[in-house]
Protein backbone atom coordinates (compact mmCIF):
# COMPACT_ATOMS: atom_id res chain seq x y z
CA MET A 1 48.38 9.77 -103.86
CA ALA A 2 50.82 11.26 -101.37
CA LYS A 3 50.38 10.60 -97.66
CA SER A 4 51.71 12.80 -94.88
CA PHE A 5 51.94 12.16 -91.19
CA GLU A 6 52.59 14.34 -88.19
CA ILE A 7 54.56 13.10 -85.23
CA ILE A 8 53.63 14.28 -81.77
CA GLU A 9 55.29 13.39 -78.49
CA ARG A 10 53.29 12.87 -75.30
CA VAL A 11 53.92 11.49 -71.83
CA GLY A 12 51.48 9.03 -70.24
CA LEU A 13 51.23 8.10 -66.58
CA SER A 14 49.88 5.14 -64.63
CA THR A 15 50.14 3.75 -61.12
CA VAL A 16 49.50 0.25 -62.51
CA SER A 17 52.10 -0.45 -65.24
CA TYR A 18 53.93 0.85 -68.30
CA SER A 19 51.45 -1.04 -70.46
CA GLU A 20 48.53 0.69 -68.77
CA ALA A 21 50.20 4.08 -69.28
CA ILE A 22 50.50 3.34 -73.02
CA LYS A 23 46.88 2.16 -73.33
CA ASN A 24 45.55 5.21 -71.46
CA LEU A 25 47.58 7.64 -73.55
CA ILE A 26 46.65 6.03 -76.89
CA ALA A 27 42.95 6.02 -75.93
CA GLU A 28 43.14 9.71 -75.00
CA ILE A 29 45.01 10.77 -78.15
CA ASN A 30 42.75 8.65 -80.37
CA THR A 31 39.74 10.78 -79.37
CA GLU A 32 41.42 13.84 -80.94
CA LYS A 33 42.53 12.23 -84.21
CA PRO A 34 43.14 8.58 -85.22
CA VAL A 35 46.53 7.15 -84.20
CA TYR A 36 48.29 5.26 -87.00
CA TRP A 37 51.37 4.14 -85.12
CA PHE A 38 53.37 4.79 -81.98
CA GLU A 39 56.93 4.32 -80.75
CA VAL A 40 58.05 4.06 -77.14
CA ALA A 41 60.73 6.71 -76.78
CA GLU A 42 61.34 6.49 -73.01
CA GLN A 43 60.27 4.52 -69.97
CA ARG A 44 60.84 5.81 -66.49
CA GLY A 45 59.18 5.92 -63.11
CA ARG A 46 59.15 7.70 -59.83
CA VAL A 47 58.17 7.08 -56.26
CA THR A 48 55.60 9.58 -55.03
CA GLN A 49 55.73 11.22 -51.60
CA ASP A 50 53.22 8.69 -50.30
CA GLY A 51 55.37 5.77 -51.55
CA GLN A 52 53.31 4.87 -54.61
CA ILE A 53 55.08 3.94 -57.84
CA GLU A 54 54.21 6.02 -60.90
CA PHE A 55 55.03 4.59 -64.34
CA GLN A 56 55.86 7.18 -67.00
CA ILE A 57 56.07 6.54 -70.72
CA THR A 58 57.02 8.90 -73.54
CA LEU A 59 55.48 8.03 -76.90
CA LYS A 60 56.08 9.34 -80.38
CA ILE A 61 52.71 9.13 -82.08
CA GLY A 62 52.08 9.19 -85.83
CA ARG A 63 48.83 10.67 -87.11
CA LYS A 64 47.76 11.17 -90.72
CA LEU A 65 47.39 14.77 -91.87
């Protein structure tokens, strides 16, 4: 039995941590279709105009077709 997966790329945000950004994004994507695996493609951050730190994470997400 052949198995196929699609790979999507999404960016998650958090003002708490990179880990929280990953958890939030996975939870959101998992409501659309089950997530089978993910890979952290990029980590970055920015300082907002009010001085708050925003953690940004880019994930490659594998979902079964």
